[in-house]
Amino acid sequence: MRWMRIMLAMGAVVTTSVVSRAAGTVTVYPAPAGEPMSKMYTVSVEGKISPVYVAKVMSMLNQKDFKPGEAGFTSFDIDGSVTVTVTYPEKVKTAKVLPTSRGIVTQISGNTITFTVSKPDLLTVEVNGDWNNSLHVFVNAMDDLPNMKDPNLIYFGPGIHAIEPMVVPPGKTVYIAGGAVIYGKLPADGSEVKSHGIFQLHGDHISLRGRGIIDGSLLPDHHFNEVVVAGNDISVEGVTLRDSGSFNLPMRDSNHVTVRNVKILGQKVNSDGMDIINTQNVDISDSFVRTFDDLIVMKTSKAGGQATKNVTVHHMVLWNEKAHALHMGSEIKEPIENVLFTDADIIHDKGHDWLLRVLDGQVGTARHIVWDGIRVEECRRLMSLSIQKNYNSAEGAENRGHIEDVTFRNITSPKPEWDRGIWLNGFDKDHAIHGVSFENVVVGGKPLKLSDIQNDGFADGVVVKP
């Protein structure tokens, strides 16, 4: 009966506005009545308004100073080349579109900015040097609308919905339409269980997708995730996760997980983007993360659980506000192995930790790890491999782990702003770092040299190649 009530309540047909021209087609999704919208930005695509939502953001400029702000974000689907027009409330003096690697050229006229996009992308527009209150432009491929007669479909149509935490059964597809905003709310019985998610994908063969927004701002901090993965053959695609009070998208004790075109905006402490925990065979791609903690992180926090292994993270756009961008640890109780991070743009770094890091704070081993094709536009600390006690591990060398066979390849970055920008830190001779290769790494416009790497003495097999 519960599922029947949901289907009846959410059974409206998705409403879109479509405009065609010889070069391209665009689908925009009208915003629901009552949802707060940006006062800074107006966006049109081929003359059709694409609503600009708001997201609270928090930047850590250093270890003491914090800068709150409000970003705008808009999302639309395209097929072919389209023109995007951004209107700002005052005269535009400068405008840039990130990632820089895209080579997008803007045209400025008064208080408007125009540029062209021809394929799906995850872009950020910064006007008059205001990086904090930026505009995120999420350009999607055309959506594959669901079959409304599918008995396994759980459908949320356009509009604002407040829902209690939902356990999604095996075999179901949750579809959140463009123009739908899902607000998680506390259970009516007053229960408040830590690590619940607004959507809990528990079981096998589950999909959550669409063009809508999932929002955690009504739930208590540190208690609720937004989407929790715990099963086999699970996919999450297309949605935007906003203002989670804890991890946005944790994956625990799972196998065969696909994440694609997911956009994450988080401003609270501990609002990690994606946490892959004792989970195997994961493919994450074409996604954007701007949060106030780790962006993409691997862990094995469950002793006796399965290893975290066979993980690929590719074609990402990342904004590091506080901690790490592409990271393993510090909870490593079982092995983490066979991890590839490739083809990623890190467009900002405001944090105090290393962007690319293994921090082994417990007894497990991290091995066969590759970062390849990482383009860094701003950097405080760049790369680190470290074996040390973490915040909750036991004292003593017998409780330390190992790091083996790590490659940093095809990486470009400005010179790190802080000391120990590139740091290798083993624990002792029996808990050391073995086999580290730096290949075609360019820092501050110069090829990396062995002397640029700080080695505390317990890292061997360190090689630097042109």
Protein backbone atom coordinates (compact mmCIF):
# COMPACT_ATOMS: atom_id res chain seq x y z
CA MET A 1 0.00 0.00 0.00
CA ARG A 2 2.82 2.41 0.79
CA TRP A 3 4.26 2.02 -2.70
CA MET A 4 0.81 2.41 -4.24
CA ARG A 5 0.25 5.68 -2.37
CA ILE A 6 3.63 6.97 -3.55
CA MET A 7 2.86 6.09 -7.15
CA LEU A 8 -0.56 7.77 -6.99
CA ALA A 9 0.89 10.88 -5.40
CA MET A 10 3.79 11.17 -7.81
CA GLY A 11 2.11 9.99 -10.98
CA ALA A 12 2.15 13.24 -12.96
CA VAL A 13 3.75 13.21 -16.41
CA VAL A 14 7.06 15.10 -16.59
CA THR A 15 6.68 18.52 -18.21
CA THR A 16 9.54 19.82 -20.32
CA SER A 17 10.11 22.62 -22.75
CA VAL A 18 11.85 21.67 -25.98
CA VAL A 19 13.20 23.90 -28.73
CA SER A 20 14.85 22.67 -31.91
CA ARG A 21 17.19 24.19 -34.43
CA ALA A 22 19.42 22.82 -37.14
CA ALA A 23 22.46 22.61 -34.88
CA GLY A 24 20.98 21.27 -31.66
CA THR A 25 18.07 20.52 -29.35
CA VAL A 26 17.68 21.47 -25.69
CA THR A 27 15.34 20.30 -22.94
CA VAL A 28 14.83 22.54 -19.92
CA TYR A 29 12.87 21.64 -16.79
CA PRO A 30 10.65 24.31 -15.14
CA ALA A 31 11.28 24.81 -11.41
CA PRO A 32 8.55 23.84 -8.92
CA ALA A 33 6.51 26.60 -7.33
CA GLY A 34 7.85 27.65 -3.95
CA GLU A 35 11.43 26.52 -4.49
CA PRO A 36 13.95 29.35 -3.77
CA MET A 37 15.76 30.51 -6.89
CA SER A 38 18.98 32.43 -7.48
CA LYS A 39 18.88 36.23 -7.35
CA MET A 40 22.33 36.44 -8.92
CA TYR A 41 21.96 34.52 -12.16
CA THR A 42 19.46 34.03 -14.95
CA VAL A 43 20.26 31.39 -17.56
CA SER A 44 18.69 30.80 -20.94
CA VAL A 45 19.59 28.12 -23.46
CA GLU A 46 18.54 28.79 -27.03
CA GLY A 47 16.21 31.44 -25.64
CA LYS A 48 14.49 29.10 -23.15
CA ILE A 49 14.86 29.82 -19.42
CA SER A 50 16.71 27.14 -17.48
CA PRO A 51 15.95 27.66 -13.76
CA VAL A 52 18.89 28.53 -11.50
CA TYR A 53 18.61 26.87 -8.08
CA VAL A 54 20.66 27.85 -5.03
CA ALA A 55 23.09 25.86 -2.90
CA LYS A 56 24.77 27.01 0.28
CA VAL A 57 28.53 26.67 0.07
CA MET A 58 31.34 26.97 2.60
CA SER A 59 34.98 27.48 1.74
CA MET A 60 37.96 26.84 3.97
CA LEU A 61 40.50 29.49 3.05
CA ASN A 62 42.93 28.19 5.65
CA GLN A 63 42.70 26.31 8.94
CA LYS A 64 41.03 29.20 10.77
CA ASP A 65 39.01 31.27 8.31
CA PHE A 66 35.76 30.20 6.69
CA LYS A 67 33.82 31.89 3.91
CA PRO A 68 30.09 31.13 3.53
CA GLY A 69 28.37 31.77 0.25
CA GLU A 70 25.57 30.82 -2.11
CA ALA A 71 26.25 29.21 -5.46
CA GLY A 72 23.77 28.91 -8.29
CA PHE A 73 23.25 25.79 -10.37
CA THR A 74 21.22 24.94 -13.42
CA SER A 75 20.73 21.70 -15.34
CA PHE A 76 19.46 21.01 -18.85
CA ASP A 77 19.76 18.35 -21.56
CA ILE A 78 21.19 18.86 -25.05
CA ASP A 79 21.70 17.07 -28.33
CA GLY A 80 24.07 19.08 -30.49
CA SER A 81 25.51 22.57 -30.16
CA VAL A 82 23.57 25.20 -28.16
CA THR A 83 24.14 28.78 -27.00
CA VAL A 84 23.99 29.53 -23.27
CA THR A 85 23.26 33.08 -22.04
CA VAL A 86 23.96 34.09 -18.43
CA THR A 87 22.55 37.36 -17.10
CA TYR A 88 24.16 38.96 -14.04
CA PRO A 89 22.67 41.76 -11.87
CA GLU A 90 25.52 44.19 -12.60
CA LYS A 91 28.01 44.96 -15.34
CA VAL A 92 30.21 42.00 -16.20
CA LYS A 93 33.90 42.94 -16.28
CA THR A 94 35.37 39.45 -16.42
CA ALA A 95 33.98 35.97 -16.92
CA LYS A 96 35.60 32.58 -17.19
CA VAL A 97 34.30 29.06 -17.66
CA LEU A 98 35.99 26.18 -15.85
CA PRO A 99 37.49 23.66 -16.37
CA THR A 100 40.05 25.62 -18.36
CA SER A 101 40.83 22.45 -20.31
CA ARG A 102 37.51 22.84 -22.15
CA GLY A 103 38.76 25.99 -23.89
CA ILE A 104 35.34 27.67 -23.76
CA VAL A 105 35.41 31.29 -24.93
CA THR A 106 32.86 33.75 -23.50
CA GLN A 107 31.34 36.83 -25.11
CA ILE A 108 30.51 39.71 -22.73
CA SER A 109 27.99 42.46 -23.41
CA GLY A 110 26.89 44.67 -20.53
CA ASN A 111 25.55 42.31 -17.89
CA THR A 112 25.31 39.22 -20.09
CA ILE A 113 27.69 36.39 -20.92
CA THR A 114 27.23 34.00 -23.81
CA PHE A 115 29.09 30.84 -24.74
CA THR A 116 28.49 27.68 -26.74
CA VAL A 117 28.46 24.07 -25.61
CA SER A 118 28.22 21.12 -27.95
CA LYS A 119 28.27 18.10 -25.65
CA PRO A 120 27.42 17.11 -22.07
CA ASP A 121 29.69 18.73 -19.51
CA LEU A 122 30.02 19.99 -15.94
CA LEU A 123 30.92 23.66 -16.10
CA THR A 124 31.46 26.46 -13.61
CA VAL A 125 31.09 30.14 -14.53
CA GLU A 126 32.88 32.75 -12.43
CA VAL A 127 31.90 36.40 -12.88
CA ASN A 128 34.01 39.39 -11.87
CA GLY A 129 36.38 37.16 -9.93
CA ASP A 130 33.70 35.85 -7.53
CA TRP A 131 34.75 32.20 -7.29
CA ASN A 132 32.78 31.41 -4.12
CA ASN A 133 29.32 32.43 -5.35
CA SER A 134 29.83 30.84 -8.73
CA LEU A 135 27.34 29.42 -11.21
CA HIS A 136 27.44 25.68 -11.93
CA VAL A 137 26.08 24.72 -15.35
CA PHE A 138 25.28 21.02 -15.61
CA VAL A 139 24.87 20.03 -19.25
CA ASN A 140 23.35 16.55 -19.63
CA ALA A 141 22.73 14.25 -22.54
CA MET A 142 19.07 13.76 -23.39
CA ASP A 143 17.32 11.78 -20.68
CA ASP A 144 15.81 8.36 -21.19
CA LEU A 145 12.31 8.79 -19.76
CA PRO A 146 10.89 5.83 -17.83
CA ASN A 147 8.04 3.57 -18.81
CA MET A 148 5.21 4.81 -16.60
CA LYS A 149 3.54 1.37 -16.79
CA ASP A 150 6.56 -0.41 -15.33
CA PRO A 151 5.35 -2.06 -12.07
CA ASN A 152 8.86 -1.71 -10.63
CA LEU A 153 8.95 2.07 -11.10
CA ILE A 154 8.82 4.48 -8.16
CA TYR A 155 8.16 7.85 -9.78
CA PHE A 156 8.54 11.37 -8.41
CA GLY A 157 7.10 13.92 -10.81
CA PRO A 158 7.79 17.66 -10.99
CA GLY A 159 7.09 19.51 -7.74
CA ILE A 160 8.35 19.64 -4.16
CA HIS A 161 8.13 16.42 -2.15
CA ALA A 162 8.97 15.92 1.53
CA ILE A 163 9.56 12.24 2.28
CA GLU A 164 10.67 10.14 5.20
CA PRO A 165 13.75 7.94 4.71
CA MET A 166 12.84 5.32 2.10
CA VAL A 167 14.19 1.79 1.80
CA VAL A 168 14.05 0.91 -1.89
CA PRO A 169 13.41 -2.82 -2.42
CA PRO A 170 15.39 -5.02 -4.81
CA GLY A 171 14.51 -4.77 -8.47
CA LYS A 172 13.04 -1.25 -8.26
CA THR A 173 13.86 1.89 -10.24
CA VAL A 174 13.45 5.26 -8.55
CA TYR A 175 12.98 8.03 -11.11
CA ILE A 176 13.15 11.68 -10.00
CA ALA A 177 11.97 13.88 -12.84
CA GLY A 178 13.50 17.18 -13.84
CA GLY A 179 11.66 19.88 -11.89
CA ALA A 180 11.27 17.62 -8.85
CA VAL A 181 12.92 18.51 -5.52
CA ILE A 182 12.93 15.80 -2.83
CA TYR A 183 13.39 17.05 0.75
CA GLY A 184 14.19 14.38 3.31
CA LYS A 185 12.35 14.73 6.61
CA LEU A 186 12.48 12.96 9.96
CA PRO A 187 10.27 9.91 10.47
CA ALA A 188 6.86 10.73 11.93
CA ASP A 189 7.53 8.50 14.94
CA GLY A 190 10.47 10.70 15.92
CA SER A 191 13.12 8.03 15.40
CA GLU A 192 16.53 9.36 14.47
CA VAL A 193 18.89 6.59 13.48
CA LYS A 194 22.40 7.47 12.38
CA SER A 195 23.48 6.55 8.85
CA HIS A 196 19.99 6.37 7.45
CA GLY A 197 19.64 7.79 3.97
CA ILE A 198 16.83 9.66 2.30
CA PHE A 199 17.00 6.87 -0.28
CA GLN A 200 18.43 3.55 0.91
CA LEU A 201 19.23 1.25 -2.00
CA HIS A 202 19.33 -2.03 -0.09
CA GLY A 203 19.45 -5.21 -2.15
CA ASP A 204 20.15 -6.18 -5.73
CA HIS A 205 19.33 -4.70 -9.16
CA ILE A 206 18.27 -1.21 -8.03
CA SER A 207 18.46 2.02 -10.01
CA LEU A 208 18.01 5.65 -8.94
CA ARG A 209 18.06 8.17 -11.76
CA GLY A 210 16.51 11.27 -13.30
CA ARG A 211 17.16 15.00 -13.48
CA GLY A 212 15.74 16.05 -10.11
CA ILE A 213 17.28 17.25 -6.84
CA ILE A 214 17.62 15.44 -3.50
CA ASP A 215 18.02 17.81 -0.54
CA GLY A 216 19.10 16.98 3.04
CA SER A 217 18.79 20.42 4.61
CA LEU A 218 15.78 19.51 6.81
CA LEU A 219 17.58 16.59 8.47
CA PRO A 220 19.98 16.80 11.45
CA ASP A 221 23.68 17.10 10.76
CA HIS A 222 25.91 14.00 11.02
CA HIS A 223 22.91 11.64 11.00
CA PHE A 224 21.47 11.23 7.52
CA ASN A 225 23.05 10.51 4.17
CA GLU A 226 21.27 11.33 0.94
CA VAL A 227 21.61 8.10 -1.07
CA VAL A 228 22.96 4.94 0.59
CA VAL A 229 24.12 2.01 -1.55
CA ALA A 230 24.20 -1.43 0.07
CA GLY A 231 23.78 -4.23 -2.43
CA ASN A 232 24.74 -5.64 -5.82
CA ASP A 233 24.17 -4.30 -9.32
CA ILE A 234 23.15 -0.78 -8.28
CA SER A 235 23.25 2.38 -10.40
CA VAL A 236 22.80 6.07 -9.56
CA GLU A 237 22.58 8.48 -12.46
CA GLY A 238 21.72 12.05 -13.39
CA VAL A 239 20.46 13.48 -10.09
CA THR A 240 21.78 16.40 -8.03
CA LEU A 241 22.49 15.92 -4.31
CA ARG A 242 22.35 19.10 -2.22
CA ASP A 243 23.14 20.06 1.39
CA SER A 244 23.61 16.66 3.00
CA GLY A 245 24.17 16.56 6.75
CA SER A 246 26.61 13.66 6.36
CA PHE A 247 28.08 11.57 3.53
CA ASN A 248 26.19 12.25 0.31
CA LEU A 249 26.61 8.92 -1.47
CA PRO A 250 28.20 6.16 0.64
CA MET A 251 28.58 2.65 -0.80
CA ARG A 252 29.01 -0.06 1.84
CA ASP A 253 29.56 -3.81 1.48
CA SER A 254 28.46 -3.64 -2.13
CA ASN A 255 29.42 -5.08 -5.50
CA HIS A 256 29.02 -3.81 -9.06
CA VAL A 257 28.03 -0.19 -8.52
CA THR A 258 27.76 2.40 -11.31
CA VAL A 259 27.57 6.15 -10.68
CA ARG A 260 27.24 8.45 -13.67
CA ASN A 261 26.48 12.15 -14.15
CA VAL A 262 25.77 12.79 -10.46
CA LYS A 263 26.19 16.36 -9.18
CA ILE A 264 26.97 16.92 -5.49
CA LEU A 265 26.95 20.25 -3.61
CA GLY A 266 27.58 20.06 0.16
CA GLN A 267 28.54 22.70 2.70
CA LYS A 268 28.40 20.95 6.07
CA VAL A 269 31.22 19.32 8.00
CA ASN A 270 31.50 15.62 7.10
CA SER A 271 29.54 16.07 3.87
CA ASP A 272 31.81 13.73 1.89
CA GLY A 273 30.91 13.34 -1.75
CA MET A 274 31.22 9.60 -2.45
CA ASP A 275 32.61 7.05 0.03
CA ILE A 276 33.45 3.58 -1.32
CA ILE A 277 33.64 1.37 1.80
CA ASN A 278 34.38 -2.39 1.68
CA THR A 279 32.96 -2.30 -1.83
CA GLN A 280 34.14 -3.84 -5.11
CA ASN A 281 33.77 -3.35 -8.86
CA VAL A 282 32.76 0.31 -8.92
CA ASP A 283 32.64 2.65 -11.92
CA ILE A 284 32.18 6.39 -11.25
CA SER A 285 32.19 8.83 -14.15
CA ASP A 286 31.07 12.16 -15.59
CA SER A 287 30.24 13.63 -12.18
CA PHE A 288 30.80 16.90 -10.27
CA VAL A 289 31.62 17.20 -6.55
CA ARG A 290 31.93 20.36 -4.44
CA THR A 291 31.66 19.53 -0.73
CA PHE A 292 33.10 20.58 2.62
CA ASP A 293 35.04 17.36 3.20
CA ASP A 294 36.53 14.54 1.11
CA LEU A 295 35.27 14.41 -2.46
CA ILE A 296 35.91 10.80 -3.57
CA VAL A 297 37.33 8.49 -0.89
CA MET A 298 38.00 4.74 -0.53
CA LYS A 299 37.89 3.02 2.87
CA THR A 300 37.79 -0.40 4.48
CA SER A 301 36.45 0.61 7.87
CA LYS A 302 34.88 -2.81 8.53
CA ALA A 303 37.44 -5.26 9.88
CA GLY A 304 36.77 -8.75 8.51
CA GLY A 305 34.78 -7.28 5.63
CA GLN A 306 35.65 -7.54 1.97
CA ALA A 307 38.45 -5.52 0.41
CA THR A 308 37.70 -2.36 -1.52
CA LYS A 309 39.00 -3.12 -5.00
CA ASN A 310 38.53 -2.75 -8.74
CA VAL A 311 37.40 0.89 -8.64
CA THR A 312 37.59 3.29 -11.60
CA VAL A 313 36.87 7.01 -11.25
CA HIS A 314 37.04 8.88 -14.56
CA HIS A 315 36.05 12.06 -16.37
CA MET A 316 35.31 14.05 -13.23
CA VAL A 317 35.19 17.74 -12.31
CA LEU A 318 36.12 18.41 -8.69
CA TRP A 319 36.18 21.42 -6.35
CA ASN A 320 38.10 20.77 -3.15
CA GLU A 321 36.89 22.96 -0.29
CA LYS A 322 38.45 21.39 2.79
CA ALA A 323 40.09 17.97 2.74
CA HIS A 324 41.06 15.61 -0.12
CA ALA A 325 39.93 15.30 -3.72
CA LEU A 326 40.86 11.71 -4.72
CA HIS A 327 41.80 9.82 -1.60
CA MET A 328 42.20 6.51 0.22
CA GLY A 329 41.91 6.22 4.02
CA SER A 330 42.40 6.89 6.75
CA GLU A 331 40.26 3.89 7.80
CA ILE A 332 42.08 0.96 6.13
CA LYS A 333 41.46 -2.27 8.04
CA GLU A 334 41.33 -4.53 4.97
CA PRO A 335 43.10 -4.13 1.60
CA ILE A 336 42.33 -1.37 -0.87
CA GLU A 337 43.63 -2.37 -4.31
CA ASN A 338 43.31 -1.89 -8.04
CA VAL A 339 42.10 1.70 -8.03
CA LEU A 340 42.33 4.01 -11.06
CA PHE A 341 41.63 7.74 -11.00
CA THR A 342 41.83 9.14 -14.53
CA ASP A 343 40.83 12.12 -16.67
CA ALA A 344 39.83 14.56 -13.91
CA ASP A 345 39.87 18.34 -13.58
CA ILE A 346 40.36 19.82 -10.10
CA ILE A 347 39.19 23.39 -10.66
CA HIS A 348 39.70 24.73 -7.10
CA ASP A 349 41.56 23.77 -3.94
CA LYS A 350 40.85 25.76 -0.76
CA GLY A 351 41.61 23.02 1.76
CA HIS A 352 44.36 22.05 4.16
CA ASP A 353 45.10 18.47 3.04
CA TRP A 354 46.60 16.81 -0.03
CA LEU A 355 44.51 16.53 -3.18
CA LEU A 356 45.78 13.09 -4.24
CA ARG A 357 46.49 10.93 -1.21
CA VAL A 358 46.74 7.57 0.50
CA LEU A 359 46.53 7.96 4.28
CA ASP A 360 46.87 4.51 5.83
CA GLY A 361 45.94 4.95 9.47
CA GLN A 362 45.26 1.33 10.40
CA VAL A 363 46.48 -2.20 9.60
CA GLY A 364 45.37 -2.70 5.99
CA THR A 365 47.42 -2.42 2.80
CA ALA A 366 46.79 -0.04 -0.09
CA ARG A 367 48.27 -1.36 -3.35
CA HIS A 368 48.09 -0.99 -7.12
CA ILE A 369 46.83 2.61 -7.11
CA VAL A 370 47.05 4.89 -10.17
CA TRP A 371 46.32 8.57 -10.73
CA ASP A 372 46.55 9.27 -14.48
CA GLY A 373 45.52 12.39 -16.40
CA ILE A 374 44.76 14.77 -13.52
CA ARG A 375 44.61 18.48 -14.37
CA VAL A 376 44.91 20.71 -11.28
CA GLU A 377 44.08 24.42 -11.60
CA GLU A 378 44.68 25.47 -7.98
CA CYS A 379 46.79 23.65 -5.39
CA ARG A 380 47.73 23.97 -1.74
CA ARG A 381 49.13 20.47 -1.23
CA LEU A 382 49.32 18.09 -4.16
CA MET A 383 50.32 14.45 -3.46
CA SER A 384 50.99 12.40 -0.34
CA LEU A 385 51.46 8.78 0.69
CA SER A 386 51.45 8.38 4.45
CA ILE A 387 51.38 5.56 7.01
CA GLN A 388 50.52 6.84 10.47
CA LYS A 389 48.14 6.55 13.39
CA ASN A 390 44.72 7.96 12.57
CA TYR A 391 42.17 9.48 14.92
CA ASN A 392 40.71 6.15 16.09
CA SER A 393 43.44 3.53 15.62
CA ALA A 394 45.52 1.85 18.31
CA GLU A 395 49.06 2.87 19.15
CA GLY A 396 52.09 0.84 18.10
CA ALA A 397 53.80 -0.39 14.96
CA GLU A 398 51.83 -3.65 15.05
CA ASN A 399 48.74 -1.60 14.20
CA ARG A 400 50.18 0.03 11.10
CA GLY A 401 49.68 -0.95 7.47
CA HIS A 402 51.53 -0.79 4.13
CA ILE A 403 51.42 1.10 0.83
CA GLU A 404 52.67 -0.61 -2.34
CA ASP A 405 52.86 0.04 -6.09
CA VAL A 406 51.54 3.56 -6.59
CA THR A 407 51.73 5.57 -9.83
CA PHE A 408 51.21 9.29 -10.45
CA ARG A 409 51.12 9.79 -14.23
CA ASN A 410 50.31 12.68 -16.60
CA ILE A 411 49.59 15.20 -13.87
CA THR A 412 49.79 18.98 -14.26
CA SER A 413 49.52 21.40 -11.35
CA PRO A 414 50.62 24.85 -10.27
CA LYS A 415 53.25 24.91 -7.57
CA PRO A 416 51.71 23.92 -4.19
CA GLU A 417 51.19 26.90 -1.91
CA TRP A 418 52.04 25.06 1.32
CA ASP A 419 55.11 23.18 2.54
CA ARG A 420 55.22 19.43 1.97
CA GLY A 421 53.37 19.78 -1.28
CA ILE A 422 54.61 16.33 -2.34
CA TRP A 423 55.29 14.06 0.63
CA LEU A 424 56.16 10.39 1.19
CA ASN A 425 55.88 9.38 4.84
CA GLY A 426 56.30 5.74 5.87
CA PHE A 427 55.94 4.65 9.50
CA ASP A 428 59.07 2.51 10.03
CA LYS A 429 61.21 0.03 8.08
CA ASP A 430 58.62 -2.73 8.55
CA HIS A 431 55.69 -0.47 7.62
CA ALA A 432 57.11 1.39 4.67
CA ILE A 433 56.06 2.62 1.25
CA HIS A 434 57.33 0.41 -1.59
CA GLY A 435 57.38 1.29 -5.28
CA VAL A 436 56.25 4.81 -6.22
CA SER A 437 56.45 6.05 -9.81
CA PHE A 438 56.05 9.67 -10.94
CA GLU A 439 55.65 9.77 -14.74
CA ASN A 440 55.24 12.96 -16.76
CA VAL A 441 54.33 15.04 -13.71
CA VAL A 442 54.59 18.80 -14.31
CA VAL A 443 54.41 21.13 -11.30
CA GLY A 444 54.58 24.90 -11.62
CA GLY A 445 55.34 24.57 -15.31
CA LYS A 446 58.42 22.39 -14.71
CA PRO A 447 58.93 18.62 -14.88
CA LEU A 448 59.00 17.07 -11.41
CA LYS A 449 62.44 16.17 -10.05
CA LEU A 450 63.29 13.64 -7.38
CA SER A 451 64.53 16.49 -5.19
CA ASP A 452 61.04 18.04 -5.24
CA ILE A 453 59.68 15.09 -3.26
CA GLN A 454 59.93 15.09 0.52
CA ASN A 455 60.79 11.56 1.66
CA ASP A 456 60.88 10.95 5.40
CA GLY A 457 63.08 7.91 4.93
CA PHE A 458 60.64 5.01 4.88
CA ALA A 459 59.76 5.07 1.19
CA ASP A 460 61.80 3.08 -1.32
CA GLY A 461 61.64 2.32 -5.02
CA VAL A 462 60.79 5.94 -5.79
CA VAL A 463 61.23 6.69 -9.51
CA VAL A 464 60.72 9.93 -11.44
CA LYS A 465 60.34 9.63 -15.21
CA PRO A 466 59.99 12.39 -17.86
